[in-house]
């Protein structure tokens, strides 16, 4: 699978246009290509695993933000 295919799939899956200009899309596609291939093409299954890992990291990050905000609120710390 190549970069152009991944960009097309990103746009279809997210309903967000312009995968070529979006910093987020570029980072995710680049990570998929590098983690699962040679940076130019990639194994689709390995690319999917790389993207799932990114999604898990994003979920963990979001949870950490919420937990910190709740802790700061309890302790009266400004956000």
PDB file of N, CA and C in Angstrom:
ATOM      1  N   UNK A   1       0.867  -1.158   0.000  1.00  0.00           N
ATOM      2  CA  UNK A   1       0.000   0.000   0.000  1.00  0.00           C
ATOM      3  C   UNK A   1       0.915   1.222   0.000  1.00  0.00           C
ATOM      4  N   UNK A   2       0.546   2.245  -0.769  1.00  0.00           N
ATOM      5  CA  UNK A   2       1.399   3.421  -0.855  1.00  0.00           C
ATOM      6  C   UNK A   2       0.757   4.646  -0.185  1.00  0.00           C
ATOM      7  N   UNK A   3       1.513   5.722  -0.156  1.00  0.00           N
ATOM      8  CA  UNK A   3       1.082   6.948   0.514  1.00  0.00           C
ATOM      9  C   UNK A   3      -0.231   7.476  -0.064  1.00  0.00           C
ATOM     10  N   UNK A   4      -0.348   7.475  -1.372  1.00  0.00           N
ATOM     11  CA  UNK A   4      -1.557   8.001  -2.009  1.00  0.00           C
ATOM     12  C   UNK A   4      -2.796   7.207  -1.602  1.00  0.00           C
ATOM     13  N   UNK A   5      -2.654   5.904  -1.521  1.00  0.00           N
ATOM     14  CA  UNK A   5      -3.777   5.066  -1.090  1.00  0.00           C
ATOM     15  C   UNK A   5      -4.147   5.371   0.353  1.00  0.00           C
ATOM     16  N   UNK A   6      -3.138   5.509   1.217  1.00  0.00           N
ATOM     17  CA  UNK A   6      -3.413   5.834   2.616  1.00  0.00           C
ATOM     18  C   UNK A   6      -4.080   7.203   2.742  1.00  0.00           C
ATOM     19  N   UNK A   7      -3.648   8.175   1.944  1.00  0.00           N
ATOM     20  CA  UNK A   7      -4.281   9.502   1.968  1.00  0.00           C
ATOM     21  C   UNK A   7      -5.747   9.415   1.551  1.00  0.00           C
ATOM     22  N   UNK A   8      -6.004   8.640   0.511  1.00  0.00           N
ATOM     23  CA  UNK A   8      -7.382   8.449   0.045  1.00  0.00           C
ATOM     24  C   UNK A   8      -8.234   7.791   1.130  1.00  0.00           C
ATOM     25  N   UNK A   9      -7.695   6.771   1.760  1.00  0.00           N
ATOM     26  CA  UNK A   9      -8.431   6.076   2.823  1.00  0.00           C
ATOM     27  C   UNK A   9      -8.663   6.990   4.022  1.00  0.00           C
ATOM     28  N   UNK A  10      -7.682   7.833   4.361  1.00  0.00           N
ATOM     29  CA  UNK A  10      -7.840   8.799   5.454  1.00  0.00           C
ATOM     30  C   UNK A  10      -9.032   9.706   5.169  1.00  0.00           C
ATOM     31  N   UNK A  11      -9.084  10.253   3.958  1.00  0.00           N
ATOM     32  CA  UNK A  11     -10.164  11.173   3.602  1.00  0.00           C
ATOM     33  C   UNK A  11     -11.516  10.473   3.613  1.00  0.00           C
ATOM     34  N   UNK A  12     -11.578   9.238   3.156  1.00  0.00           N
ATOM     35  CA  UNK A  12     -12.829   8.484   3.182  1.00  0.00           C
ATOM     36  C   UNK A  12     -13.259   8.168   4.608  1.00  0.00           C
ATOM     37  N   UNK A  13     -12.320   7.771   5.430  1.00  0.00           N
ATOM     38  CA  UNK A  13     -12.635   7.333   6.789  1.00  0.00           C
ATOM     39  C   UNK A  13     -12.998   8.481   7.714  1.00  0.00           C
ATOM     40  N   UNK A  14     -12.399   9.637   7.496  1.00  0.00           N
ATOM     41  CA  UNK A  14     -12.579  10.742   8.438  1.00  0.00           C
ATOM     42  C   UNK A  14     -13.509  11.830   7.943  1.00  0.00           C
ATOM     43  N   UNK A  15     -13.839  11.826   6.685  1.00  0.00           N
ATOM     44  CA  UNK A  15     -14.603  12.912   6.063  1.00  0.00           C
ATOM     45  C   UNK A  15     -13.871  14.242   6.165  1.00  0.00           C
ATOM     46  N   UNK A  16     -12.558  14.184   6.394  1.00  0.00           N
ATOM     47  CA  UNK A  16     -11.736  15.391   6.430  1.00  0.00           C
ATOM     48  C   UNK A  16     -10.987  15.496   5.114  1.00  0.00           C
ATOM     49  N   UNK A  17     -11.097  16.625   4.447  1.00  0.00           N
ATOM     50  CA  UNK A  17     -10.421  16.777   3.169  1.00  0.00           C
ATOM     51  C   UNK A  17      -8.924  17.046   3.344  1.00  0.00           C
ATOM     52  N   UNK A  18      -8.226  16.932   2.268  1.00  0.00           N
ATOM     53  CA  UNK A  18      -6.855  17.399   2.153  1.00  0.00           C
ATOM     54  C   UNK A  18      -5.874  16.700   3.084  1.00  0.00           C
ATOM     55  N   UNK A  19      -5.786  15.406   2.957  1.00  0.00           N
ATOM     56  CA  UNK A  19      -4.830  14.637   3.761  1.00  0.00           C
ATOM     57  C   UNK A  19      -3.402  15.078   3.489  1.00  0.00           C
ATOM     58  N   UNK A  20      -3.163  15.664   2.321  1.00  0.00           N
ATOM     59  CA  UNK A  20      -1.810  16.099   1.971  1.00  0.00           C
ATOM     60  C   UNK A  20      -1.378  17.333   2.748  1.00  0.00           C
ATOM     61  N   UNK A  21      -2.329  18.108   3.263  1.00  0.00           N
ATOM     62  CA  UNK A  21      -1.996  19.340   3.975  1.00  0.00           C
ATOM     63  C   UNK A  21      -2.178  19.239   5.483  1.00  0.00           C
ATOM     64  N   UNK A  22      -2.972  18.311   5.954  1.00  0.00           N
ATOM     65  CA  UNK A  22      -3.250  18.181   7.383  1.00  0.00           C
ATOM     66  C   UNK A  22      -2.021  17.646   8.116  1.00  0.00           C
ATOM     67  N   UNK A  23      -1.491  18.401   9.092  1.00  0.00           N
ATOM     68  CA  UNK A  23      -0.342  17.894   9.853  1.00  0.00           C
ATOM     69  C   UNK A  23      -0.650  16.568  10.558  1.00  0.00           C
ATOM     70  N   UNK A  24      -1.865  16.431  11.064  1.00  0.00           N
ATOM     71  CA  UNK A  24      -2.241  15.190  11.740  1.00  0.00           C
ATOM     72  C   UNK A  24      -2.248  14.022  10.759  1.00  0.00           C
ATOM     73  N   UNK A  25      -2.901  14.202   9.628  1.00  0.00           N
ATOM     74  CA  UNK A  25      -2.958  13.133   8.629  1.00  0.00           C
ATOM     75  C   UNK A  25      -1.563  12.779   8.135  1.00  0.00           C
ATOM     76  N   UNK A  26      -0.752  13.793   7.886  1.00  0.00           N
ATOM     77  CA  UNK A  26       0.608  13.546   7.412  1.00  0.00           C
ATOM     78  C   UNK A  26       1.403  12.733   8.428  1.00  0.00           C
ATOM     79  N   UNK A  27       1.263  13.072   9.703  1.00  0.00           N
ATOM     80  CA  UNK A  27       2.003  12.357  10.748  1.00  0.00           C
ATOM     81  C   UNK A  27       1.541  10.906  10.862  1.00  0.00           C
ATOM     82  N   UNK A  28       0.238  10.699  10.830  1.00  0.00           N
ATOM     83  CA  UNK A  28      -0.294   9.338  10.956  1.00  0.00           C
ATOM     84  C   UNK A  28       0.104   8.490   9.753  1.00  0.00           C
ATOM     85  N   UNK A  29      -0.029   9.038   8.568  1.00  0.00           N
ATOM     86  CA  UNK A  29       0.323   8.294   7.357  1.00  0.00           C
ATOM     87  C   UNK A  29       1.820   8.000   7.326  1.00  0.00           C
ATOM     88  N   UNK A  30       2.616   8.972   7.694  1.00  0.00           N
ATOM     89  CA  UNK A  30       4.063   8.770   7.743  1.00  0.00           C
ATOM     90  C   UNK A  30       4.432   7.673   8.733  1.00  0.00           C
ATOM     91  N   UNK A  31       3.811   7.696   9.898  1.00  0.00           N
ATOM     92  CA  UNK A  31       4.077   6.667  10.912  1.00  0.00           C
ATOM     93  C   UNK A  31       3.686   5.286  10.391  1.00  0.00           C
ATOM     94  N   UNK A  32       2.547   5.192   9.725  1.00  0.00           N
ATOM     95  CA  UNK A  32       2.106   3.909   9.174  1.00  0.00           C
ATOM     96  C   UNK A  32       3.097   3.398   8.135  1.00  0.00           C
ATOM     97  N   UNK A  33       3.562   4.289   7.269  1.00  0.00           N
ATOM     98  CA  UNK A  33       4.510   3.879   6.233  1.00  0.00           C
ATOM     99  C   UNK A  33       5.856   3.464   6.822  1.00  0.00           C
ATOM    100  N   UNK A  34       6.314   4.193   7.819  1.00  0.00           N
ATOM    101  CA  UNK A  34       7.622   3.893   8.400  1.00  0.00           C
ATOM    102  C   UNK A  34       7.575   2.689   9.337  1.00  0.00           C
ATOM    103  N   UNK A  35       6.501   2.549  10.090  1.00  0.00           N
ATOM    104  CA  UNK A  35       6.402   1.439  11.038  1.00  0.00           C
ATOM    105  C   UNK A  35       6.122   0.118  10.340  1.00  0.00           C
ATOM    106  N   UNK A  36       5.504   0.189   9.188  1.00  0.00           N
ATOM    107  CA  UNK A  36       5.043  -1.026   8.529  1.00  0.00           C
ATOM    108  C   UNK A  36       5.668  -1.248   7.157  1.00  0.00           C
ATOM    109  N   UNK A  37       6.684  -0.459   6.842  1.00  0.00           N
ATOM    110  CA  UNK A  37       7.280  -0.622   5.529  1.00  0.00           C
ATOM    111  C   UNK A  37       8.588   0.125   5.413  1.00  0.00           C
ATOM    112  N   UNK A  38       8.851   0.564   4.215  1.00  0.00           N
ATOM    113  CA  UNK A  38      10.119   1.226   3.934  1.00  0.00           C
ATOM    114  C   UNK A  38       9.987   2.740   3.836  1.00  0.00           C
ATOM    115  N   UNK A  39       8.847   3.272   4.233  1.00  0.00           N
ATOM    116  CA  UNK A  39       8.605   4.710   4.132  1.00  0.00           C
ATOM    117  C   UNK A  39       7.932   5.108   2.832  1.00  0.00           C
ATOM    118  N   UNK A  40       7.876   4.181   1.888  1.00  0.00           N
ATOM    119  CA  UNK A  40       7.239   4.452   0.596  1.00  0.00           C
ATOM    120  C   UNK A  40       6.014   3.567   0.411  1.00  0.00           C
ATOM    121  N   UNK A  41       6.149   2.306   0.731  1.00  0.00           N
ATOM    122  CA  UNK A  41       5.025   1.371   0.691  1.00  0.00           C
ATOM    123  C   UNK A  41       4.999   0.613   2.016  1.00  0.00           C
ATOM    124  N   UNK A  42       3.873  -0.013   2.301  1.00  0.00           N
ATOM    125  CA  UNK A  42       3.771  -0.722   3.574  1.00  0.00           C
ATOM    126  C   UNK A  42       2.822  -1.904   3.459  1.00  0.00           C
ATOM    127  N   UNK A  43       3.003  -2.822   4.387  1.00  0.00           N
ATOM    128  CA  UNK A  43       2.093  -3.941   4.539  1.00  0.00           C
ATOM    129  C   UNK A  43       0.811  -3.411   5.182  1.00  0.00           C
ATOM    130  N   UNK A  44      -0.355  -3.610   4.576  1.00  0.00           N
ATOM    131  CA  UNK A  44      -1.595  -3.051   5.122  1.00  0.00           C
ATOM    132  C   UNK A  44      -1.894  -3.478   6.556  1.00  0.00           C
ATOM    133  N   UNK A  45      -1.662  -4.734   6.882  1.00  0.00           N
ATOM    134  CA  UNK A  45      -1.957  -5.193   8.243  1.00  0.00           C
ATOM    135  C   UNK A  45      -1.037  -4.533   9.263  1.00  0.00           C
ATOM    136  N   UNK A  46       0.232  -4.422   8.941  1.00  0.00           N
ATOM    137  CA  UNK A  46       1.181  -3.779   9.847  1.00  0.00           C
ATOM    138  C   UNK A  46       0.878  -2.288   9.968  1.00  0.00           C
ATOM    139  N   UNK A  47       0.455  -1.670   8.874  1.00  0.00           N
ATOM    140  CA  UNK A  47       0.079  -0.254   8.924  1.00  0.00           C
ATOM    141  C   UNK A  47      -1.126  -0.059   9.834  1.00  0.00           C
ATOM    142  N   UNK A  48      -2.083  -0.963   9.748  1.00  0.00           N
ATOM    143  CA  UNK A  48      -3.269  -0.868  10.610  1.00  0.00           C
ATOM    144  C   UNK A  48      -2.878  -0.985  12.076  1.00  0.00           C
ATOM    145  N   UNK A  49      -1.953  -1.880  12.389  1.00  0.00           N
ATOM    146  CA  UNK A  49      -1.486  -2.019  13.773  1.00  0.00           C
ATOM    147  C   UNK A  49      -0.837  -0.722  14.239  1.00  0.00           C
ATOM    148  N   UNK A  50      -0.025  -0.108  13.394  1.00  0.00           N
ATOM    149  CA  UNK A  50       0.622   1.156  13.755  1.00  0.00           C
ATOM    150  C   UNK A  50      -0.417   2.236  14.039  1.00  0.00           C
ATOM    151  N   UNK A  51      -1.456   2.296  13.229  1.00  0.00           N
ATOM    152  CA  UNK A  51      -2.501   3.302  13.426  1.00  0.00           C
ATOM    153  C   UNK A  51      -3.303   2.999  14.688  1.00  0.00           C
ATOM    154  N   UNK A  52      -3.592   1.735  14.952  1.00  0.00           N
ATOM    155  CA  UNK A  52      -4.280   1.377  16.204  1.00  0.00           C
ATOM    156  C   UNK A  52      -3.461   1.813  17.415  1.00  0.00           C
ATOM    157  N   UNK A  53      -2.150   1.657  17.343  1.00  0.00           N
ATOM    158  CA  UNK A  53      -1.292   2.097  18.453  1.00  0.00           C
ATOM    159  C   UNK A  53      -1.376   3.608  18.644  1.00  0.00           C
ATOM    160  N   UNK A  54      -1.396   4.337  17.550  1.00  0.00           N
ATOM    161  CA  UNK A  54      -1.539   5.791  17.638  1.00  0.00           C
ATOM    162  C   UNK A  54      -2.873   6.135  18.288  1.00  0.00           C
ATOM    163  N   UNK A  55      -3.933   5.453  17.874  1.00  0.00           N
ATOM    164  CA  UNK A  55      -5.261   5.719  18.442  1.00  0.00           C
ATOM    165  C   UNK A  55      -5.276   5.435  19.939  1.00  0.00           C
ATOM    166  N   UNK A  56      -4.636   4.355  20.347  1.00  0.00           N
ATOM    167  CA  UNK A  56      -4.561   4.021  21.770  1.00  0.00           C
ATOM    168  C   UNK A  56      -3.779   5.083  22.530  1.00  0.00           C
ATOM    169  N   UNK A  57      -2.669   5.531  21.951  1.00  0.00           N
ATOM    170  CA  UNK A  57      -1.885   6.592  22.587  1.00  0.00           C
ATOM    171  C   UNK A  57      -2.703   7.874  22.717  1.00  0.00           C
ATOM    172  N   UNK A  58      -3.478   8.207  21.688  1.00  0.00           N
ATOM    173  CA  UNK A  58      -4.325   9.407  21.741  1.00  0.00           C
ATOM    174  C   UNK A  58      -5.390   9.273  22.822  1.00  0.00           C
ATOM    175  N   UNK A  59      -5.968   8.093  22.942  1.00  0.00           N
ATOM    176  CA  UNK A  59      -6.967   7.863  23.986  1.00  0.00           C
ATOM    177  C   UNK A  59      -6.333   7.990  25.373  1.00  0.00           C
ATOM    178  N   UNK A  60      -5.156   7.424  25.539  1.00  0.00           N
ATOM    179  CA  UNK A  60      -4.448   7.542  26.818  1.00  0.00           C
ATOM    180  C   UNK A  60      -4.125   9.002  27.130  1.00  0.00           C
ATOM    181  N   UNK A  61      -3.717   9.745  26.129  1.00  0.00           N
ATOM    182  CA  UNK A  61      -3.406  11.165  26.293  1.00  0.00           C
ATOM    183  C   UNK A  61      -4.656  11.940  26.707  1.00  0.00           C
ATOM    184  N   UNK A  62      -5.780  11.673  26.044  1.00  0.00           N
ATOM    185  CA  UNK A  62      -7.040  12.343  26.393  1.00  0.00           C
ATOM    186  C   UNK A  62      -7.438  12.024  27.827  1.00  0.00           C
ATOM    187  N   UNK A  63      -7.292  10.776  28.224  1.00  0.00           N
ATOM    188  CA  UNK A  63      -7.611  10.389  29.606  1.00  0.00           C
ATOM    189  C   UNK A  63      -6.702  11.095  30.598  1.00  0.00           C
ATOM    190  N   UNK A  64      -5.427  11.234  30.267  1.00  0.00           N
ATOM    191  CA  UNK A  64      -4.490  11.934  31.150  1.00  0.00           C
ATOM    192  C   UNK A  64      -4.870  13.404  31.297  1.00  0.00           C
ATOM    193  N   UNK A  65      -5.319  14.019  30.213  1.00  0.00           N
ATOM    194  CA  UNK A  65      -5.761  15.418  30.266  1.00  0.00           C
ATOM    195  C   UNK A  65      -6.945  15.554  31.207  1.00  0.00           C
ATOM    196  N   UNK A  66      -7.929  14.680  31.062  1.00  0.00           N
ATOM    197  CA  UNK A  66      -9.123  14.731  31.910  1.00  0.00           C
ATOM    198  C   UNK A  66      -8.754  14.488  33.367  1.00  0.00           C
ATOM    199  N   UNK A  67      -7.924  13.490  33.615  1.00  0.00           N
ATOM    200  CA  UNK A  67      -7.518  13.193  34.993  1.00  0.00           C
ATOM    201  C   UNK A  67      -6.783  14.369  35.623  1.00  0.00           C
ATOM    202  N   UNK A  68      -5.895  15.009  34.884  1.00  0.00           N
ATOM    203  CA  UNK A  68      -5.163  16.157  35.410  1.00  0.00           C
ATOM    204  C   UNK A  68      -6.105  17.321  35.678  1.00  0.00           C
ATOM    205  N   UNK A  69      -7.033  17.553  34.764  1.00  0.00           N
ATOM    206  CA  UNK A  69      -7.992  18.646  34.956  1.00  0.00           C
ATOM    207  C   UNK A  69      -8.842  18.400  36.195  1.00  0.00           C
ATOM    208  N   UNK A  70      -9.275  17.165  36.388  1.00  0.00           N
ATOM    209  CA  UNK A  70     -10.075  16.836  37.575  1.00  0.00           C
ATOM    210  C   UNK A  70      -9.255  16.999  38.850  1.00  0.00           C
ATOM    211  N   UNK A  71      -8.024  16.545  38.822  1.00  0.00           N
ATOM    212  CA  UNK A  71      -7.149  16.692  39.987  1.00  0.00           C
ATOM    213  C   UNK A  71      -6.898  18.169  40.295  1.00  0.00           C
ATOM    214  N   UNK A  72      -6.599  18.938  39.258  1.00  0.00           N
ATOM    215  CA  UNK A  72      -6.354  20.368  39.451  1.00  0.00           C
ATOM    216  C   UNK A  72      -7.583  21.067  40.004  1.00  0.00           C
ATOM    217  N   UNK A  73      -8.758  20.663  39.526  1.00  0.00           N
ATOM    218  CA  UNK A  73      -9.998  21.262  40.016  1.00  0.00           C
ATOM    219  C   UNK A  73     -10.203  20.920  41.492  1.00  0.00           C
ATOM    220  N   UNK A  74      -9.966  19.677  41.868  1.00  0.00           N
ATOM    221  CA  UNK A  74     -10.095  19.271  43.273  1.00  0.00           C
ATOM    222  C   UNK A  74      -9.127  20.034  44.168  1.00  0.00           C
ATOM    223  N   UNK A  75      -7.928  20.271  43.647  1.00  0.00           N
ATOM    224  CA  UNK A  75      -6.889  20.930  44.436  1.00  0.00           C
ATOM    225  C   UNK A  75      -6.925  22.448  44.307  1.00  0.00           C
ATOM    226  N   UNK A  76      -7.843  22.946  43.485  1.00  0.00           N
ATOM    227  CA  UNK A  76      -7.964  24.388  43.312  1.00  0.00           C
ATOM    228  C   UNK A  76      -6.841  25.015  42.506  1.00  0.00           C
ATOM    229  N   UNK A  77      -6.206  24.210  41.680  1.00  0.00           N
ATOM    230  CA  UNK A  77      -5.117  24.702  40.838  1.00  0.00           C
ATOM    231  C   UNK A  77      -5.708  25.247  39.548  1.00  0.00           C
ATOM    232  N   UNK A  78      -5.209  26.387  39.090  1.00  0.00           N
ATOM    233  CA  UNK A  78      -5.689  26.960  37.830  1.00  0.00           C
ATOM    234  C   UNK A  78      -5.327  26.084  36.655  1.00  0.00           C
ATOM    235  N   UNK A  79      -6.212  26.047  35.698  1.00  0.00           N
ATOM    236  CA  UNK A  79      -5.964  25.236  34.504  1.00  0.00           C
ATOM    237  C   UNK A  79      -5.112  26.009  33.600  1.00  0.00           C
TER     238      UNK A  79
END
